[in-house]
Amino acid sequence: MVHVSKGTLITCDQSMKQFLLQLDQTNALGKKFILQELDEEHLFVSSDVLETLEDRVDELMDQLTFTQN
């Protein structure tokens, strides 16, 4: 039997992949969204969470960005 899932391929470094895996494992987006862990740099994720996922990554980047006063 063949299973078909609509998703998006994400390419990222190890630290971002760990962040995404942690979001998935803790159901931080309300559900599991990683459909397949392909290799060290690629994840196949559900397309319906992309906007929310981008927002969470933007929040993380904002937290890690420092401004000079």
PDB file of N, CA and C in Angstrom:
ATOM      1  N   MET A   1       0.834  -1.172   0.000  1.00  0.00           N
ATOM      2  CA  MET A   1       0.000   0.000   0.000  1.00  0.00           C
ATOM      3  C   MET A   1       0.884   1.243   0.000  1.00  0.00           C
ATOM      4  N   VAL A   2       0.483   2.244  -0.749  1.00  0.00           N
ATOM      5  CA  VAL A   2       1.233   3.483  -0.863  1.00  0.00           C
ATOM      6  C   VAL A   2       0.559   4.557  -0.021  1.00  0.00           C
ATOM      7  N   HIS A   3       1.368   5.274   0.762  1.00  0.00           N
ATOM      8  CA  HIS A   3       0.867   6.398   1.558  1.00  0.00           C
ATOM      9  C   HIS A   3       1.420   7.679   0.960  1.00  0.00           C
ATOM     10  N   VAL A   4       0.548   8.624   0.702  1.00  0.00           N
ATOM     11  CA  VAL A   4       0.949   9.902   0.120  1.00  0.00           C
ATOM     12  C   VAL A   4       0.666  11.006   1.130  1.00  0.00           C
ATOM     13  N   SER A   5       1.658  11.861   1.339  1.00  0.00           N
ATOM     14  CA  SER A   5       1.513  12.992   2.251  1.00  0.00           C
ATOM     15  C   SER A   5       1.968  14.253   1.552  1.00  0.00           C
ATOM     16  N   LYS A   6       1.198  15.320   1.699  1.00  0.00           N
ATOM     17  CA  LYS A   6       1.588  16.599   1.128  1.00  0.00           C
ATOM     18  C   LYS A   6       2.483  17.296   2.141  1.00  0.00           C
ATOM     19  N   GLY A   7       3.667  17.665   1.701  1.00  0.00           N
ATOM     20  CA  GLY A   7       4.604  18.282   2.620  1.00  0.00           C
ATOM     21  C   GLY A   7       5.598  19.162   1.914  1.00  0.00           C
ATOM     22  N   THR A   8       6.535  19.661   2.697  1.00  0.00           N
ATOM     23  CA  THR A   8       7.566  20.560   2.202  1.00  0.00           C
ATOM     24  C   THR A   8       8.919  20.075   2.708  1.00  0.00           C
ATOM     25  N   LEU A   9       9.903  20.101   1.833  1.00  0.00           N
ATOM     26  CA  LEU A   9      11.264  19.729   2.188  1.00  0.00           C
ATOM     27  C   LEU A   9      11.965  20.935   2.792  1.00  0.00           C
ATOM     28  N   ILE A  10      12.522  20.760   3.977  1.00  0.00           N
ATOM     29  CA  ILE A  10      13.253  21.826   4.653  1.00  0.00           C
ATOM     30  C   ILE A  10      14.713  21.422   4.748  1.00  0.00           C
ATOM     31  N   THR A  11      15.591  22.327   4.334  1.00  0.00           N
ATOM     32  CA  THR A  11      17.032  22.145   4.470  1.00  0.00           C
ATOM     33  C   THR A  11      17.509  23.084   5.575  1.00  0.00           C
ATOM     34  N   CYS A  12      18.221  22.541   6.546  1.00  0.00           N
ATOM     35  CA  CYS A  12      18.668  23.354   7.678  1.00  0.00           C
ATOM     36  C   CYS A  12      19.951  22.770   8.260  1.00  0.00           C
ATOM     37  N   ASP A  13      20.594  23.557   9.118  1.00  0.00           N
ATOM     38  CA  ASP A  13      21.788  23.059   9.792  1.00  0.00           C
ATOM     39  C   ASP A  13      21.368  22.241  11.019  1.00  0.00           C
ATOM     40  N   GLN A  14      22.344  21.639  11.683  1.00  0.00           N
ATOM     41  CA  GLN A  14      22.052  20.741  12.811  1.00  0.00           C
ATOM     42  C   GLN A  14      21.326  21.441  13.959  1.00  0.00           C
ATOM     43  N   SER A  15      21.731  22.668  14.279  1.00  0.00           N
ATOM     44  CA  SER A  15      21.103  23.359  15.409  1.00  0.00           C
ATOM     45  C   SER A  15      19.640  23.691  15.113  1.00  0.00           C
ATOM     46  N   MET A  16      19.329  24.121  13.894  1.00  0.00           N
ATOM     47  CA  MET A  16      17.939  24.405  13.542  1.00  0.00           C
ATOM     48  C   MET A  16      17.135  23.112  13.482  1.00  0.00           C
ATOM     49  N   LYS A  17      17.754  22.064  13.016  1.00  0.00           N
ATOM     50  CA  LYS A  17      17.056  20.781  12.970  1.00  0.00           C
ATOM     51  C   LYS A  17      16.689  20.327  14.382  1.00  0.00           C
ATOM     52  N   GLN A  18      17.603  20.500  15.331  1.00  0.00           N
ATOM     53  CA  GLN A  18      17.313  20.131  16.718  1.00  0.00           C
ATOM     54  C   GLN A  18      16.175  20.969  17.287  1.00  0.00           C
ATOM     55  N   PHE A  19      16.139  22.262  16.944  1.00  0.00           N
ATOM     56  CA  PHE A  19      15.053  23.129  17.380  1.00  0.00           C
ATOM     57  C   PHE A  19      13.717  22.637  16.821  1.00  0.00           C
ATOM     58  N   LEU A  20      13.697  22.292  15.529  1.00  0.00           N
ATOM     59  CA  LEU A  20      12.466  21.800  14.905  1.00  0.00           C
ATOM     60  C   LEU A  20      12.036  20.461  15.491  1.00  0.00           C
ATOM     61  N   LEU A  21      12.992  19.586  15.747  1.00  0.00           N
ATOM     62  CA  LEU A  21      12.668  18.297  16.365  1.00  0.00           C
ATOM     63  C   LEU A  21      12.084  18.486  17.760  1.00  0.00           C
ATOM     64  N   GLN A  22      12.625  19.448  18.501  1.00  0.00           N
ATOM     65  CA  GLN A  22      12.114  19.725  19.844  1.00  0.00           C
ATOM     66  C   GLN A  22      10.690  20.270  19.772  1.00  0.00           C
ATOM     67  N   LEU A  23      10.413  21.167  18.819  1.00  0.00           N
ATOM     68  CA  LEU A  23       9.052  21.672  18.635  1.00  0.00           C
ATOM     69  C   LEU A  23       8.090  20.537  18.308  1.00  0.00           C
ATOM     70  N   ASP A  24       8.538  19.625  17.465  1.00  0.00           N
ATOM     71  CA  ASP A  24       7.701  18.492  17.070  1.00  0.00           C
ATOM     72  C   ASP A  24       7.437  17.557  18.247  1.00  0.00           C
ATOM     73  N   GLN A  25       8.468  17.229  19.010  1.00  0.00           N
ATOM     74  CA  GLN A  25       8.333  16.281  20.117  1.00  0.00           C
ATOM     75  C   GLN A  25       7.474  16.816  21.247  1.00  0.00           C
ATOM     76  N   THR A  26       7.487  18.135  21.448  1.00  0.00           N
ATOM     77  CA  THR A  26       6.702  18.723  22.540  1.00  0.00           C
ATOM     78  C   THR A  26       5.327  19.198  22.082  1.00  0.00           C
ATOM     79  N   ASN A  27       4.985  18.940  20.824  1.00  0.00           N
ATOM     80  CA  ASN A  27       3.706  19.386  20.253  1.00  0.00           C
ATOM     81  C   ASN A  27       3.508  20.888  20.428  1.00  0.00           C
ATOM     82  N   ALA A  28       4.572  21.655  20.293  1.00  0.00           N
ATOM     83  CA  ALA A  28       4.525  23.103  20.497  1.00  0.00           C
ATOM     84  C   ALA A  28       3.630  23.806  19.476  1.00  0.00           C
ATOM     85  N   LEU A  29       3.406  23.189  18.329  1.00  0.00           N
ATOM     86  CA  LEU A  29       2.527  23.772  17.315  1.00  0.00           C
ATOM     87  C   LEU A  29       1.130  23.167  17.365  1.00  0.00           C
ATOM     88  N   GLY A  30       0.862  22.378  18.380  1.00  0.00           N
ATOM     89  CA  GLY A  30      -0.453  21.771  18.536  1.00  0.00           C
ATOM     90  C   GLY A  30      -0.565  20.378  17.959  1.00  0.00           C
ATOM     91  N   LYS A  31       0.426  19.947  17.211  1.00  0.00           N
ATOM     92  CA  LYS A  31       0.430  18.593  16.646  1.00  0.00           C
ATOM     93  C   LYS A  31       1.820  18.266  16.131  1.00  0.00           C
ATOM     94  N   LYS A  32       2.030  17.013  15.820  1.00  0.00           N
ATOM     95  CA  LYS A  32       3.287  16.594  15.199  1.00  0.00           C
ATOM     96  C   LYS A  32       3.287  17.100  13.760  1.00  0.00           C
ATOM     97  N   PHE A  33       4.381  17.661  13.311  1.00  0.00           N
ATOM     98  CA  PHE A  33       4.439  18.215  11.956  1.00  0.00           C
ATOM     99  C   PHE A  33       5.553  17.632  11.107  1.00  0.00           C
ATOM    100  N   ILE A  34       6.521  16.963  11.720  1.00  0.00           N
ATOM    101  CA  ILE A  34       7.597  16.343  10.940  1.00  0.00           C
ATOM    102  C   ILE A  34       7.098  14.998  10.425  1.00  0.00           C
ATOM    103  N   LEU A  35       7.031  14.900   9.107  1.00  0.00           N
ATOM    104  CA  LEU A  35       6.557  13.673   8.483  1.00  0.00           C
ATOM    105  C   LEU A  35       7.681  12.649   8.333  1.00  0.00           C
ATOM    106  N   GLN A  36       8.892  13.146   8.051  1.00  0.00           N
ATOM    107  CA  GLN A  36      10.028  12.246   7.857  1.00  0.00           C
ATOM    108  C   GLN A  36      11.327  12.989   8.105  1.00  0.00           C
ATOM    109  N   GLU A  37      12.215  12.361   8.853  1.00  0.00           N
ATOM    110  CA  GLU A  37      13.566  12.862   9.045  1.00  0.00           C
ATOM    111  C   GLU A  37      14.416  12.186   7.975  1.00  0.00           C
ATOM    112  N   LEU A  38      14.867  12.932   6.979  1.00  0.00           N
ATOM    113  CA  LEU A  38      15.524  12.328   5.826  1.00  0.00           C
ATOM    114  C   LEU A  38      17.010  12.089   6.030  1.00  0.00           C
ATOM    115  N   ASP A  39      17.722  13.092   6.489  1.00  0.00           N
ATOM    116  CA  ASP A  39      19.146  12.953   6.786  1.00  0.00           C
ATOM    117  C   ASP A  39      19.536  14.068   7.750  1.00  0.00           C
ATOM    118  N   GLU A  40      20.825  14.341   7.867  1.00  0.00           N
ATOM    119  CA  GLU A  40      21.315  15.314   8.845  1.00  0.00           C
ATOM    120  C   GLU A  40      20.887  16.743   8.548  1.00  0.00           C
ATOM    121  N   GLU A  41      20.537  17.039   7.298  1.00  0.00           N
ATOM    122  CA  GLU A  41      20.205  18.412   6.919  1.00  0.00           C
ATOM    123  C   GLU A  41      18.799  18.587   6.353  1.00  0.00           C
ATOM    124  N   HIS A  42      18.019  17.511   6.239  1.00  0.00           N
ATOM    125  CA  HIS A  42      16.728  17.608   5.572  1.00  0.00           C
ATOM    126  C   HIS A  42      15.600  16.987   6.400  1.00  0.00           C
ATOM    127  N   LEU A  43      14.487  17.742   6.448  1.00  0.00           N
ATOM    128  CA  LEU A  43      13.268  17.268   7.087  1.00  0.00           C
ATOM    129  C   LEU A  43      12.122  17.438   6.103  1.00  0.00           C
ATOM    130  N   PHE A  44      11.195  16.504   6.118  1.00  0.00           N
ATOM    131  CA  PHE A  44       9.975  16.618   5.328  1.00  0.00           C
ATOM    132  C   PHE A  44       8.861  16.921   6.312  1.00  0.00           C
ATOM    133  N   VAL A  45       8.263  18.117   6.188  1.00  0.00           N
ATOM    134  CA  VAL A  45       7.284  18.570   7.169  1.00  0.00           C
ATOM    135  C   VAL A  45       5.931  18.805   6.505  1.00  0.00           C
ATOM    136  N   SER A  46       4.898  18.765   7.318  1.00  0.00           N
ATOM    137  CA  SER A  46       3.542  19.014   6.855  1.00  0.00           C
ATOM    138  C   SER A  46       3.419  20.449   6.353  1.00  0.00           C
ATOM    139  N   SER A  47       2.820  20.620   5.191  1.00  0.00           N
ATOM    140  CA  SER A  47       2.702  21.951   4.586  1.00  0.00           C
ATOM    141  C   SER A  47       1.760  22.875   5.343  1.00  0.00           C
ATOM    142  N   ASP A  48       0.820  22.329   6.073  1.00  0.00           N
ATOM    143  CA  ASP A  48      -0.182  23.178   6.721  1.00  0.00           C
ATOM    144  C   ASP A  48       0.334  23.907   7.963  1.00  0.00           C
ATOM    145  N   VAL A  49       1.556  23.640   8.390  1.00  0.00           N
ATOM    146  CA  VAL A  49       2.112  24.346   9.552  1.00  0.00           C
ATOM    147  C   VAL A  49       3.236  25.309   9.177  1.00  0.00           C
ATOM    148  N   LEU A  50       3.481  25.490   7.907  1.00  0.00           N
ATOM    149  CA  LEU A  50       4.628  26.306   7.474  1.00  0.00           C
ATOM    150  C   LEU A  50       4.581  27.730   8.002  1.00  0.00           C
ATOM    151  N   GLU A  51       3.445  28.387   7.922  1.00  0.00           N
ATOM    152  CA  GLU A  51       3.353  29.769   8.385  1.00  0.00           C
ATOM    153  C   GLU A  51       3.636  29.861   9.883  1.00  0.00           C
ATOM    154  N   THR A  52       3.032  28.972  10.667  1.00  0.00           N
ATOM    155  CA  THR A  52       3.263  28.954  12.109  1.00  0.00           C
ATOM    156  C   THR A  52       4.713  28.615  12.420  1.00  0.00           C
ATOM    157  N   LEU A  53       5.267  27.687  11.686  1.00  0.00           N
ATOM    158  CA  LEU A  53       6.660  27.291  11.880  1.00  0.00           C
ATOM    159  C   LEU A  53       7.607  28.458  11.574  1.00  0.00           C
ATOM    160  N   GLU A  54       7.338  29.183  10.515  1.00  0.00           N
ATOM    161  CA  GLU A  54       8.159  30.351  10.180  1.00  0.00           C
ATOM    162  C   GLU A  54       8.087  31.399  11.287  1.00  0.00           C
ATOM    163  N   ASP A  55       6.901  31.594  11.856  1.00  0.00           N
ATOM    164  CA  ASP A  55       6.746  32.547  12.961  1.00  0.00           C
ATOM    165  C   ASP A  55       7.582  32.130  14.168  1.00  0.00           C
ATOM    166  N   ARG A  56       7.583  30.839  14.497  1.00  0.00           N
ATOM    167  CA  ARG A  56       8.354  30.354  15.645  1.00  0.00           C
ATOM    168  C   ARG A  56       9.852  30.513  15.412  1.00  0.00           C
ATOM    169  N   VAL A  57      10.302  30.250  14.192  1.00  0.00           N
ATOM    170  CA  VAL A  57      11.720  30.423  13.865  1.00  0.00           C
ATOM    171  C   VAL A  57      12.090  31.903  13.928  1.00  0.00           C
ATOM    172  N   ASP A  58      11.208  32.777  13.443  1.00  0.00           N
ATOM    173  CA  ASP A  58      11.455  34.224  13.532  1.00  0.00           C
ATOM    174  C   ASP A  58      11.564  34.662  14.989  1.00  0.00           C
ATOM    175  N   GLU A  59      10.706  34.133  15.858  1.00  0.00           N
ATOM    176  CA  GLU A  59      10.765  34.453  17.284  1.00  0.00           C
ATOM    177  C   GLU A  59      12.108  34.029  17.870  1.00  0.00           C
ATOM    178  N   LEU A  60      12.567  32.836  17.502  1.00  0.00           N
ATOM    179  CA  LEU A  60      13.855  32.355  17.987  1.00  0.00           C
ATOM    180  C   LEU A  60      14.982  33.270  17.518  1.00  0.00           C
ATOM    181  N   MET A  61      14.959  33.659  16.254  1.00  0.00           N
ATOM    182  CA  MET A  61      15.993  34.533  15.716  1.00  0.00           C
ATOM    183  C   MET A  61      15.967  35.894  16.416  1.00  0.00           C
ATOM    184  N   ASP A  62      14.778  36.416  16.703  1.00  0.00           N
ATOM    185  CA  ASP A  62      14.669  37.691  17.424  1.00  0.00           C
ATOM    186  C   ASP A  62      15.285  37.586  18.810  1.00  0.00           C
ATOM    187  N   GLN A  63      15.097  36.454  19.476  1.00  0.00           N
ATOM    188  CA  GLN A  63      15.662  36.247  20.808  1.00  0.00           C
ATOM    189  C   GLN A  63      17.183  36.174  20.765  1.00  0.00           C
ATOM    190  N   LEU A  64      17.721  35.700  19.656  1.00  0.00           N
ATOM    191  CA  LEU A  64      19.166  35.519  19.542  1.00  0.00           C
ATOM    192  C   LEU A  64      19.880  36.734  18.944  1.00  0.00           C
ATOM    193  N   THR A  65      19.119  37.734  18.532  1.00  0.00           N
ATOM    194  CA  THR A  65      19.693  38.926  17.925  1.00  0.00           C
ATOM    195  C   THR A  65      19.861  40.017  18.964  1.00  0.00           C
ATOM    196  N   PHE A  66      21.046  40.584  19.015  1.00  0.00           N
ATOM    197  CA  PHE A  66      21.342  41.640  19.959  1.00  0.00           C
ATOM    198  C   PHE A  66      21.535  42.951  19.199  1.00  0.00           C
ATOM    199  N   THR A  67      21.059  44.031  19.789  1.00  0.00           N
ATOM    200  CA  THR A  67      21.237  45.334  19.175  1.00  0.00           C
ATOM    201  C   THR A  67      22.191  46.173  20.008  1.00  0.00           C
ATOM    202  N   GLN A  68      22.919  47.039  19.338  1.00  0.00           N
ATOM    203  CA  GLN A  68      23.846  47.934  20.038  1.00  0.00           C
ATOM    204  C   GLN A  68      23.116  49.229  20.345  1.00  0.00           C
ATOM    205  N   ASN A  69      23.310  49.724  21.533  1.00  0.00           N
ATOM    206  CA  ASN A  69      22.694  50.995  21.932  1.00  0.00           C
ATOM    207  C   ASN A  69      23.710  52.091  21.956  1.00  0.00           C
TER     208      ASN A  69
END
